Amino acid sequence: MTASQRLAELGIELPPVAAPVAAYVPATRVGDQIWTSGQLPFADGVLTATGKVGDAVAQDLGTEAARVAALNAVAAAAAVAGGVDRIRRVVKVVVFVASAPGFTGQPAVANGASLLLGEIFGEQGTHVRSAVGVAVLPLDAPVEVELIVEA
């Protein structure tokens, strides 16, 4: 099954590529890899949540925000690849989590991104990952997701 068929089966549409909030591009190709800029959890042009996970944002809401941000990253990568079906595999995922002091659930939050990638790409969605707690993210977003994919 192709990635586009999986998306249709899941009832998920790739969103439009989010416009950069500063001076950068959403994704770029280097050889057979596409690297995305950090993608925020925008849905219909609005952040799905704001604040720090473990404080203003519950962990499960942070996990859902990571899923949304990952979908935005897939859209950015697909735009450069020439379509989602041209993405051969997910290589690496980096999830930044704006974390309240003492919050240590970054890996669980990052699972929102990782599980979505598995749903879309199957075995080719298996990847290496970093889940990093940070003090604050742009626009007070709770998460930011970067992808490296092979295309």
C-alpha atoms as a PDB file:
ATOM      1  CA  MET A   1       0.000   0.000   0.000  1.00  0.00           C
ATOM      2  CA  THR A   2       1.326   3.472  -0.859  1.00  0.00           C
ATOM      3  CA  ALA A   3       1.570   6.353   1.573  1.00  0.00           C
ATOM      4  CA  SER A   4      -1.223   8.207  -0.233  1.00  0.00           C
ATOM      5  CA  GLN A   5      -3.444   5.115   0.024  1.00  0.00           C
ATOM      6  CA  ARG A   6      -2.684   4.850   3.755  1.00  0.00           C
ATOM      7  CA  LEU A   7      -3.528   8.520   4.229  1.00  0.00           C
ATOM      8  CA  ALA A   8      -6.852   8.009   2.435  1.00  0.00           C
ATOM      9  CA  GLU A   9      -7.572   4.909   4.515  1.00  0.00           C
ATOM     10  CA  LEU A  10      -6.842   6.901   7.692  1.00  0.00           C
ATOM     11  CA  GLY A  11      -9.036   9.773   6.507  1.00  0.00           C
ATOM     12  CA  ILE A  12      -6.096  12.175   6.638  1.00  0.00           C
ATOM     13  CA  GLU A  13      -5.369  14.850   4.056  1.00  0.00           C
ATOM     14  CA  LEU A  14      -1.948  16.446   3.843  1.00  0.00           C
ATOM     15  CA  PRO A  15      -2.325  20.092   4.823  1.00  0.00           C
ATOM     16  CA  PRO A  16      -0.952  22.916   2.705  1.00  0.00           C
ATOM     17  CA  VAL A  17       2.709  23.560   3.477  1.00  0.00           C
ATOM     18  CA  ALA A  18       2.888  26.040   6.359  1.00  0.00           C
ATOM     19  CA  ALA A  19       4.334  29.406   5.432  1.00  0.00           C
ATOM     20  CA  PRO A  20       7.656  30.067   7.182  1.00  0.00           C
ATOM     21  CA  VAL A  21       7.446  32.404  10.179  1.00  0.00           C
ATOM     22  CA  ALA A  22      10.948  33.808   9.438  1.00  0.00           C
ATOM     23  CA  ALA A  23      13.699  33.738   6.771  1.00  0.00           C
ATOM     24  CA  TYR A  24      13.941  30.042   5.779  1.00  0.00           C
ATOM     25  CA  VAL A  25      12.314  27.437   3.527  1.00  0.00           C
ATOM     26  CA  PRO A  26      10.014  24.667   4.810  1.00  0.00           C
ATOM     27  CA  ALA A  27      12.178  21.888   3.322  1.00  0.00           C
ATOM     28  CA  THR A  28      15.188  21.361   1.080  1.00  0.00           C
ATOM     29  CA  ARG A  29      16.695  18.452  -0.825  1.00  0.00           C
ATOM     30  CA  VAL A  30      20.307  17.369  -0.310  1.00  0.00           C
ATOM     31  CA  GLY A  31      21.097  14.438  -2.604  1.00  0.00           C
ATOM     32  CA  ASP A  32      18.507  11.759  -1.945  1.00  0.00           C
ATOM     33  CA  GLN A  33      17.485  13.247   1.396  1.00  0.00           C
ATOM     34  CA  ILE A  34      14.943  15.942   2.202  1.00  0.00           C
ATOM     35  CA  TRP A  35      15.395  17.899   5.419  1.00  0.00           C
ATOM     36  CA  THR A  36      12.499  19.857   6.843  1.00  0.00           C
ATOM     37  CA  SER A  37      12.655  22.968   8.926  1.00  0.00           C
ATOM     38  CA  GLY A  38      11.012  22.687  12.312  1.00  0.00           C
ATOM     39  CA  GLN A  39       7.254  22.446  11.828  1.00  0.00           C
ATOM     40  CA  LEU A  40       4.788  23.694  14.415  1.00  0.00           C
ATOM     41  CA  PRO A  41       1.371  22.184  15.184  1.00  0.00           C
ATOM     42  CA  PHE A  42      -0.647  24.445  12.884  1.00  0.00           C
ATOM     43  CA  ALA A  43      -4.102  23.245  11.820  1.00  0.00           C
ATOM     44  CA  ASP A  44      -6.039  25.552   9.510  1.00  0.00           C
ATOM     45  CA  GLY A  45      -3.474  28.296  10.178  1.00  0.00           C
ATOM     46  CA  VAL A  46      -3.861  28.215  13.975  1.00  0.00           C
ATOM     47  CA  LEU A  47      -1.683  26.528  16.609  1.00  0.00           C
ATOM     48  CA  THR A  48      -3.537  23.585  18.162  1.00  0.00           C
ATOM     49  CA  ALA A  49      -2.192  24.577  21.592  1.00  0.00           C
ATOM     50  CA  THR A  50       0.190  27.038  23.215  1.00  0.00           C
ATOM     51  CA  GLY A  51       2.307  26.851  26.326  1.00  0.00           C
ATOM     52  CA  LYS A  52       4.572  24.360  28.022  1.00  0.00           C
ATOM     53  CA  VAL A  53       3.812  20.656  28.203  1.00  0.00           C
ATOM     54  CA  GLY A  54       3.412  19.636  31.829  1.00  0.00           C
ATOM     55  CA  ASP A  55       1.935  23.031  32.717  1.00  0.00           C
ATOM     56  CA  ALA A  56      -0.563  24.820  30.422  1.00  0.00           C
ATOM     57  CA  VAL A  57      -0.560  21.855  28.005  1.00  0.00           C
ATOM     58  CA  ALA A  58      -1.407  18.344  29.227  1.00  0.00           C
ATOM     59  CA  GLN A  59       0.899  15.562  28.041  1.00  0.00           C
ATOM     60  CA  ASP A  60      -1.804  13.962  25.849  1.00  0.00           C
ATOM     61  CA  LEU A  61      -2.478  17.320  24.161  1.00  0.00           C
ATOM     62  CA  GLY A  62       1.267  17.676  23.579  1.00  0.00           C
ATOM     63  CA  THR A  63       1.296  14.214  21.995  1.00  0.00           C
ATOM     64  CA  GLU A  64      -1.539  15.235  19.659  1.00  0.00           C
ATOM     65  CA  ALA A  65       0.310  18.479  18.829  1.00  0.00           C
ATOM     66  CA  ALA A  66       3.384  16.410  17.875  1.00  0.00           C
ATOM     67  CA  ARG A  67       1.168  14.377  15.531  1.00  0.00           C
ATOM     68  CA  VAL A  68      -0.118  17.564  13.865  1.00  0.00           C
ATOM     69  CA  ALA A  69       3.395  19.023  13.561  1.00  0.00           C
ATOM     70  CA  ALA A  70       4.657  15.747  12.052  1.00  0.00           C
ATOM     71  CA  LEU A  71       1.877  15.819   9.464  1.00  0.00           C
ATOM     72  CA  ASN A  72       2.953  19.361   8.571  1.00  0.00           C
ATOM     73  CA  ALA A  73       6.535  18.114   8.215  1.00  0.00           C
ATOM     74  CA  VAL A  74       5.380  15.304   5.913  1.00  0.00           C
ATOM     75  CA  ALA A  75       3.551  17.891   3.792  1.00  0.00           C
ATOM     76  CA  ALA A  76       6.716  20.011   3.537  1.00  0.00           C
ATOM     77  CA  ALA A  77       8.839  16.988   2.594  1.00  0.00           C
ATOM     78  CA  ALA A  78       6.251  15.755   0.083  1.00  0.00           C
ATOM     79  CA  ALA A  79       6.164  19.162  -1.618  1.00  0.00           C
ATOM     80  CA  VAL A  80       9.909  18.922  -2.291  1.00  0.00           C
ATOM     81  CA  ALA A  81       9.805  15.205  -3.168  1.00  0.00           C
ATOM     82  CA  GLY A  82       7.068  15.638  -5.766  1.00  0.00           C
ATOM     83  CA  GLY A  83       4.386  13.914  -3.711  1.00  0.00           C
ATOM     84  CA  VAL A  84       4.092  11.798  -0.584  1.00  0.00           C
ATOM     85  CA  ASP A  85       4.512   8.565  -2.545  1.00  0.00           C
ATOM     86  CA  ARG A  86       8.002   9.656  -3.566  1.00  0.00           C
ATOM     87  CA  ILE A  87       9.156   9.569   0.061  1.00  0.00           C
ATOM     88  CA  ARG A  88      10.915   6.204   0.300  1.00  0.00           C
ATOM     89  CA  ARG A  89      11.559   6.184   4.030  1.00  0.00           C
ATOM     90  CA  VAL A  90      11.736   8.283   7.157  1.00  0.00           C
ATOM     91  CA  VAL A  91      15.322   8.469   8.399  1.00  0.00           C
ATOM     92  CA  LYS A  92      15.255  10.719  11.459  1.00  0.00           C
ATOM     93  CA  VAL A  93      12.752  12.642  13.539  1.00  0.00           C
ATOM     94  CA  VAL A  94      13.604  15.390  16.019  1.00  0.00           C
ATOM     95  CA  VAL A  95      10.850  16.522  18.379  1.00  0.00           C
ATOM     96  CA  PHE A  96      11.373  19.598  20.525  1.00  0.00           C
ATOM     97  CA  VAL A  97       8.992  19.827  23.480  1.00  0.00           C
ATOM     98  CA  ALA A  98       8.498  23.108  25.315  1.00  0.00           C
ATOM     99  CA  SER A  99       8.629  21.629  28.809  1.00  0.00           C
ATOM    100  CA  ALA A 100       7.578  22.839  32.216  1.00  0.00           C
ATOM    101  CA  PRO A 101      10.294  22.517  34.879  1.00  0.00           C
ATOM    102  CA  GLY A 102      10.507  18.902  36.007  1.00  0.00           C
ATOM    103  CA  PHE A 103       8.568  17.511  33.020  1.00  0.00           C
ATOM    104  CA  THR A 104      10.307  14.377  31.728  1.00  0.00           C
ATOM    105  CA  GLY A 105       7.699  12.895  29.383  1.00  0.00           C
ATOM    106  CA  GLN A 106       9.282  14.141  26.147  1.00  0.00           C
ATOM    107  CA  PRO A 107       9.546  10.613  24.656  1.00  0.00           C
ATOM    108  CA  ALA A 108       5.813  10.022  25.165  1.00  0.00           C
ATOM    109  CA  VAL A 109       4.997  13.368  23.548  1.00  0.00           C
ATOM    110  CA  ALA A 110       7.307  12.549  20.617  1.00  0.00           C
ATOM    111  CA  ASN A 111       5.421   9.285  20.104  1.00  0.00           C
ATOM    112  CA  GLY A 112       2.627  11.375  18.570  1.00  0.00           C
ATOM    113  CA  ALA A 113       4.946  12.084  15.642  1.00  0.00           C
ATOM    114  CA  SER A 114       6.520   8.633  15.492  1.00  0.00           C
ATOM    115  CA  LEU A 115       3.265   6.710  15.528  1.00  0.00           C
ATOM    116  CA  LEU A 116       1.774   8.878  12.779  1.00  0.00           C
ATOM    117  CA  LEU A 117       4.808   8.271  10.566  1.00  0.00           C
ATOM    118  CA  GLY A 118       4.401   4.527  11.073  1.00  0.00           C
ATOM    119  CA  GLU A 119       0.721   4.773  10.136  1.00  0.00           C
ATOM    120  CA  ILE A 120       1.546   6.659   6.926  1.00  0.00           C
ATOM    121  CA  PHE A 121       4.709   4.883   5.791  1.00  0.00           C
ATOM    122  CA  GLY A 122       4.484   1.448   7.396  1.00  0.00           C
ATOM    123  CA  GLU A 123       7.870  -0.233   7.817  1.00  0.00           C
ATOM    124  CA  GLN A 124       9.506   2.647   5.909  1.00  0.00           C
ATOM    125  CA  GLY A 125       8.293   4.968   8.671  1.00  0.00           C
ATOM    126  CA  THR A 126      10.617   3.341  11.213  1.00  0.00           C
ATOM    127  CA  HIS A 127      13.231   5.932  12.168  1.00  0.00           C
ATOM    128  CA  VAL A 128      15.811   7.130  14.651  1.00  0.00           C
ATOM    129  CA  ARG A 129      14.632   9.941  16.898  1.00  0.00           C
ATOM    130  CA  SER A 130      15.561  12.596  19.398  1.00  0.00           C
ATOM    131  CA  ALA A 131      13.025  13.988  21.879  1.00  0.00           C
ATOM    132  CA  VAL A 132      14.377  17.175  23.434  1.00  0.00           C
ATOM    133  CA  GLY A 133      12.921  19.314  26.212  1.00  0.00           C
ATOM    134  CA  VAL A 134      13.365  23.050  25.670  1.00  0.00           C
ATOM    135  CA  ALA A 135      12.411  26.201  27.577  1.00  0.00           C
ATOM    136  CA  VAL A 136      10.301  27.807  24.845  1.00  0.00           C
ATOM    137  CA  LEU A 137       9.470  27.425  21.143  1.00  0.00           C
ATOM    138  CA  PRO A 138       8.439  29.941  18.476  1.00  0.00           C
ATOM    139  CA  LEU A 139       4.980  31.462  18.955  1.00  0.00           C
ATOM    140  CA  ASP A 140       4.773  29.647  22.327  1.00  0.00           C
ATOM    141  CA  ALA A 141       4.099  26.346  20.500  1.00  0.00           C
ATOM    142  CA  PRO A 142       4.265  23.247  22.708  1.00  0.00           C
ATOM    143  CA  VAL A 143       6.178  21.177  20.120  1.00  0.00           C
ATOM    144  CA  GLU A 144       8.235  21.485  16.959  1.00  0.00           C
ATOM    145  CA  VAL A 145       9.051  18.561  14.647  1.00  0.00           C
ATOM    146  CA  GLU A 146      11.850  18.136  12.072  1.00  0.00           C
ATOM    147  CA  LEU A 147      12.167  15.261   9.614  1.00  0.00           C
ATOM    148  CA  ILE A 148      14.897  13.836   7.453  1.00  0.00           C
ATOM    149  CA  VAL A 149      13.490  11.560   4.755  1.00  0.00           C
ATOM    150  CA  GLU A 150      14.905   9.654   1.820  1.00  0.00           C
ATOM    151  CA  ALA A 151      13.292  10.429  -1.506  1.00  0.00           C
END
